[in-house]
Amino acid sequence: MDKRCQECGRGLVIDDWYSYIRTKYCPACAAAVKRRQNAERMRQLRRITRQKNSAVRELCTVQAAELAALRDLIQKQRAELDALKNH
């Protein structure tokens, strides 16, 4: 059976029907296509990771501000309690 490479157009001679269905590229182009696909996958993974990390950083900033406000409130209430105990 004869088939053409989808990348360069060279002819591929494939004897097995299952290989015929699965094979899209000649061996030279297959390595380049695999490298390109892996690079794109990694680029997407890095982008998604950056988005998740920025969301986590933003959440941490909000929670740190909230904790600081609660800490101030607790200190203020302790001071008021000490003032009431002393009178």
N, C-alpha and C. Protein backbone atom coordinates (compact mmCIF):
# COMPACT_ATOMS: atom_id res chain seq x y z
N MET A 1 0.84 -1.17 0.00
CA MET A 1 0.00 0.00 0.00
C MET A 1 0.89 1.24 0.00
N ASP A 2 0.42 2.24 -0.67
CA ASP A 2 1.20 3.47 -0.80
C ASP A 2 0.47 4.62 -0.12
N LYS A 3 1.22 5.44 0.57
CA LYS A 3 0.66 6.57 1.29
C LYS A 3 1.69 7.69 1.27
N ARG A 4 1.27 8.93 1.43
CA ARG A 4 2.18 10.07 1.41
C ARG A 4 2.31 10.68 2.81
N CYS A 5 3.50 11.20 3.08
CA CYS A 5 3.77 11.89 4.34
C CYS A 5 2.97 13.19 4.35
N GLN A 6 2.29 13.48 5.44
CA GLN A 6 1.48 14.70 5.52
C GLN A 6 2.34 15.95 5.66
N GLU A 7 3.59 15.78 6.05
CA GLU A 7 4.47 16.93 6.26
C GLU A 7 5.23 17.30 4.99
N CYS A 8 5.93 16.33 4.40
CA CYS A 8 6.79 16.63 3.24
C CYS A 8 6.24 16.09 1.91
N GLY A 9 5.31 15.16 1.96
CA GLY A 9 4.71 14.64 0.75
C GLY A 9 5.45 13.45 0.14
N ARG A 10 6.52 12.97 0.77
CA ARG A 10 7.24 11.80 0.27
C ARG A 10 6.37 10.55 0.37
N GLY A 11 6.58 9.64 -0.50
CA GLY A 11 5.81 8.40 -0.49
C GLY A 11 6.27 7.46 0.60
N LEU A 12 5.32 6.79 1.23
CA LEU A 12 5.61 5.80 2.26
C LEU A 12 5.08 4.46 1.77
N VAL A 13 5.88 3.44 1.90
CA VAL A 13 5.43 2.09 1.52
C VAL A 13 5.15 1.35 2.81
N ILE A 14 3.89 0.99 3.01
CA ILE A 14 3.47 0.35 4.26
C ILE A 14 2.77 -0.96 3.89
N ASP A 15 3.21 -2.06 4.51
CA ASP A 15 2.65 -3.37 4.20
C ASP A 15 1.49 -3.75 5.12
N ASP A 16 1.52 -3.29 6.34
CA ASP A 16 0.52 -3.68 7.33
C ASP A 16 -0.64 -2.68 7.33
N TRP A 17 -1.87 -3.16 7.32
CA TRP A 17 -3.04 -2.29 7.27
C TRP A 17 -3.13 -1.40 8.50
N TYR A 18 -2.84 -1.92 9.69
CA TYR A 18 -2.94 -1.13 10.91
C TYR A 18 -1.87 -0.04 10.94
N SER A 19 -0.70 -0.36 10.45
CA SER A 19 0.34 0.66 10.33
C SER A 19 -0.06 1.70 9.30
N TYR A 20 -0.73 1.29 8.27
CA TYR A 20 -1.19 2.20 7.22
C TYR A 20 -2.13 3.25 7.81
N ILE A 21 -3.03 2.83 8.65
CA ILE A 21 -3.98 3.75 9.27
C ILE A 21 -3.26 4.72 10.20
N ARG A 22 -2.35 4.21 11.00
CA ARG A 22 -1.69 4.98 12.04
C ARG A 22 -0.59 5.90 11.52
N THR A 23 0.12 5.51 10.49
CA THR A 23 1.27 6.26 10.01
C THR A 23 0.84 7.49 9.23
N LYS A 24 1.39 8.65 9.65
CA LYS A 24 1.07 9.90 8.97
C LYS A 24 2.30 10.56 8.38
N TYR A 25 3.47 10.27 8.96
CA TYR A 25 4.69 10.98 8.58
C TYR A 25 5.80 9.99 8.28
N CYS A 26 6.75 10.43 7.47
CA CYS A 26 7.95 9.63 7.24
C CYS A 26 8.81 9.73 8.50
N PRO A 27 9.77 8.83 8.68
CA PRO A 27 10.57 8.84 9.91
C PRO A 27 11.27 10.17 10.17
N ALA A 28 11.75 10.83 9.12
CA ALA A 28 12.45 12.11 9.31
C ALA A 28 11.48 13.18 9.82
N CYS A 29 10.31 13.23 9.23
CA CYS A 29 9.32 14.24 9.63
C CYS A 29 8.68 13.90 10.97
N ALA A 30 8.57 12.61 11.29
CA ALA A 30 7.92 12.19 12.53
C ALA A 30 8.65 12.76 13.74
N ALA A 31 9.97 12.77 13.69
CA ALA A 31 10.74 13.32 14.82
C ALA A 31 10.49 14.82 14.96
N ALA A 32 10.48 15.53 13.85
CA ALA A 32 10.25 16.98 13.89
C ALA A 32 8.84 17.30 14.37
N VAL A 33 7.87 16.54 13.91
CA VAL A 33 6.48 16.77 14.32
C VAL A 33 6.32 16.47 15.81
N LYS A 34 6.94 15.38 16.28
CA LYS A 34 6.85 15.02 17.69
C LYS A 34 7.49 16.10 18.55
N ARG A 35 8.63 16.60 18.13
CA ARG A 35 9.31 17.67 18.87
C ARG A 35 8.43 18.92 18.92
N ARG A 36 7.83 19.28 17.80
CA ARG A 36 6.96 20.46 17.73
C ARG A 36 5.73 20.30 18.63
N GLN A 37 5.12 19.12 18.59
CA GLN A 37 3.94 18.86 19.43
C GLN A 37 4.30 18.89 20.92
N ASN A 38 5.45 18.31 21.28
CA ASN A 38 5.88 18.34 22.67
C ASN A 38 6.15 19.76 23.13
N ALA A 39 6.76 20.57 22.27
CA ALA A 39 7.03 21.97 22.62
C ALA A 39 5.72 22.72 22.84
N GLU A 40 4.74 22.49 22.01
CA GLU A 40 3.44 23.15 22.16
C GLU A 40 2.75 22.70 23.45
N ARG A 41 2.82 21.40 23.75
CA ARG A 41 2.23 20.87 24.97
C ARG A 41 2.88 21.50 26.21
N MET A 42 4.20 21.60 26.19
CA MET A 42 4.91 22.19 27.32
C MET A 42 4.60 23.68 27.44
N ARG A 43 4.46 24.37 26.32
CA ARG A 43 4.11 25.80 26.34
C ARG A 43 2.74 26.00 26.99
N GLN A 44 1.79 25.14 26.63
CA GLN A 44 0.45 25.21 27.23
C GLN A 44 0.50 24.89 28.72
N LEU A 45 1.29 23.88 29.09
CA LEU A 45 1.42 23.51 30.49
C LEU A 45 2.01 24.65 31.31
N ARG A 46 3.05 25.29 30.78
CA ARG A 46 3.66 26.43 31.49
C ARG A 46 2.66 27.58 31.63
N ARG A 47 1.87 27.84 30.59
CA ARG A 47 0.88 28.92 30.64
C ARG A 47 -0.16 28.64 31.72
N ILE A 48 -0.67 27.40 31.74
CA ILE A 48 -1.68 27.03 32.73
C ILE A 48 -1.09 27.09 34.14
N THR A 49 0.15 26.63 34.30
CA THR A 49 0.81 26.66 35.61
C THR A 49 0.98 28.10 36.08
N ARG A 50 1.38 28.99 35.18
CA ARG A 50 1.52 30.41 35.54
C ARG A 50 0.19 30.99 35.99
N GLN A 51 -0.89 30.65 35.29
CA GLN A 51 -2.21 31.15 35.67
C GLN A 51 -2.61 30.64 37.05
N LYS A 52 -2.39 29.36 37.31
CA LYS A 52 -2.73 28.80 38.61
C LYS A 52 -1.90 29.43 39.71
N ASN A 53 -0.60 29.60 39.46
CA ASN A 53 0.27 30.20 40.46
C ASN A 53 -0.12 31.64 40.76
N SER A 54 -0.51 32.40 39.74
CA SER A 54 -0.91 33.78 39.99
C SER A 54 -2.21 33.83 40.79
N ALA A 55 -3.12 32.89 40.53
CA ALA A 55 -4.36 32.84 41.30
C ALA A 55 -4.06 32.51 42.76
N VAL A 56 -3.16 31.57 43.00
CA VAL A 56 -2.79 31.20 44.37
C VAL A 56 -2.11 32.37 45.06
N ARG A 57 -1.21 33.07 44.35
CA ARG A 57 -0.55 34.23 44.93
C ARG A 57 -1.55 35.31 45.32
N GLU A 58 -2.51 35.55 44.45
CA GLU A 58 -3.54 36.56 44.73
C GLU A 58 -4.35 36.16 45.95
N LEU A 59 -4.73 34.90 46.04
CA LEU A 59 -5.48 34.41 47.19
C LEU A 59 -4.67 34.55 48.48
N CYS A 60 -3.38 34.24 48.41
CA CYS A 60 -2.51 34.37 49.59
C CYS A 60 -2.42 35.83 50.03
N THR A 61 -2.34 36.75 49.09
CA THR A 61 -2.27 38.17 49.42
C THR A 61 -3.55 38.62 50.12
N VAL A 62 -4.69 38.20 49.59
CA VAL A 62 -5.98 38.56 50.19
C VAL A 62 -6.08 37.97 51.60
N GLN A 63 -5.70 36.72 51.76
CA GLN A 63 -5.79 36.08 53.07
C GLN A 63 -4.80 36.69 54.05
N ALA A 64 -3.63 37.10 53.60
CA ALA A 64 -2.65 37.74 54.48
C ALA A 64 -3.20 39.07 54.99
N ALA A 65 -3.85 39.83 54.12
CA ALA A 65 -4.46 41.10 54.55
C ALA A 65 -5.58 40.84 55.55
N GLU A 66 -6.37 39.82 55.30
CA GLU A 66 -7.46 39.46 56.21
C GLU A 66 -6.92 39.01 57.56
N LEU A 67 -5.86 38.22 57.56
CA LEU A 67 -5.25 37.78 58.82
C LEU A 67 -4.67 38.96 59.59
N ALA A 68 -4.06 39.90 58.90
CA ALA A 68 -3.51 41.08 59.57
C ALA A 68 -4.63 41.89 60.22
N ALA A 69 -5.75 42.04 59.53
CA ALA A 69 -6.89 42.77 60.10
C ALA A 69 -7.44 42.04 61.32
N LEU A 70 -7.54 40.72 61.25
CA LEU A 70 -8.03 39.94 62.39
C LEU A 70 -7.05 40.03 63.56
N ARG A 71 -5.76 40.01 63.29
CA ARG A 71 -4.75 40.12 64.33
C ARG A 71 -4.87 41.46 65.05
N ASP A 72 -5.05 42.52 64.27
CA ASP A 72 -5.23 43.86 64.86
C ASP A 72 -6.49 43.90 65.72
N LEU A 73 -7.56 43.30 65.26
CA LEU A 73 -8.81 43.27 66.01
C LEU A 73 -8.64 42.52 67.32
N ILE A 74 -7.94 41.39 67.30
CA ILE A 74 -7.70 40.60 68.51
C ILE A 74 -6.86 41.40 69.49
N GLN A 75 -5.82 42.07 69.03
CA GLN A 75 -4.98 42.88 69.91
C GLN A 75 -5.79 44.01 70.54
N LYS A 76 -6.65 44.62 69.75
CA LYS A 76 -7.50 45.69 70.25
C LYS A 76 -8.46 45.17 71.32
N GLN A 77 -9.06 44.02 71.08
CA GLN A 77 -9.98 43.44 72.05
C GLN A 77 -9.25 43.02 73.33
N ARG A 78 -8.02 42.51 73.19
CA ARG A 78 -7.24 42.16 74.38
C ARG A 78 -6.91 43.40 75.20
N ALA A 79 -6.58 44.48 74.50
CA ALA A 79 -6.28 45.73 75.21
C ALA A 79 -7.52 46.24 75.94
N GLU A 80 -8.69 46.15 75.30
CA GLU A 80 -9.93 46.57 75.95
C GLU A 80 -10.24 45.67 77.16
N LEU A 81 -10.00 44.37 77.02
CA LEU A 81 -10.23 43.45 78.12
C LEU A 81 -9.29 43.75 79.30
N ASP A 82 -8.03 44.03 79.00
CA ASP A 82 -7.07 44.38 80.05
C ASP A 82 -7.49 45.67 80.74
N ALA A 83 -7.99 46.64 79.97
CA ALA A 83 -8.43 47.90 80.54
C ALA A 83 -9.63 47.67 81.45
N LEU A 84 -10.55 46.80 81.07
CA LEU A 84 -11.70 46.50 81.92
C LEU A 84 -11.30 45.75 83.19
N LYS A 85 -10.33 44.87 83.08
CA LYS A 85 -9.86 44.11 84.27
C LYS A 85 -9.18 45.03 85.27
N ASN A 86 -8.47 46.04 84.78
CA ASN A 86 -7.72 46.94 85.65
C ASN A 86 -8.63 47.95 86.34
N HIS A 87 -9.80 48.18 85.87
CA HIS A 87 -10.71 49.17 86.49
C HIS A 87 -11.61 48.54 87.45
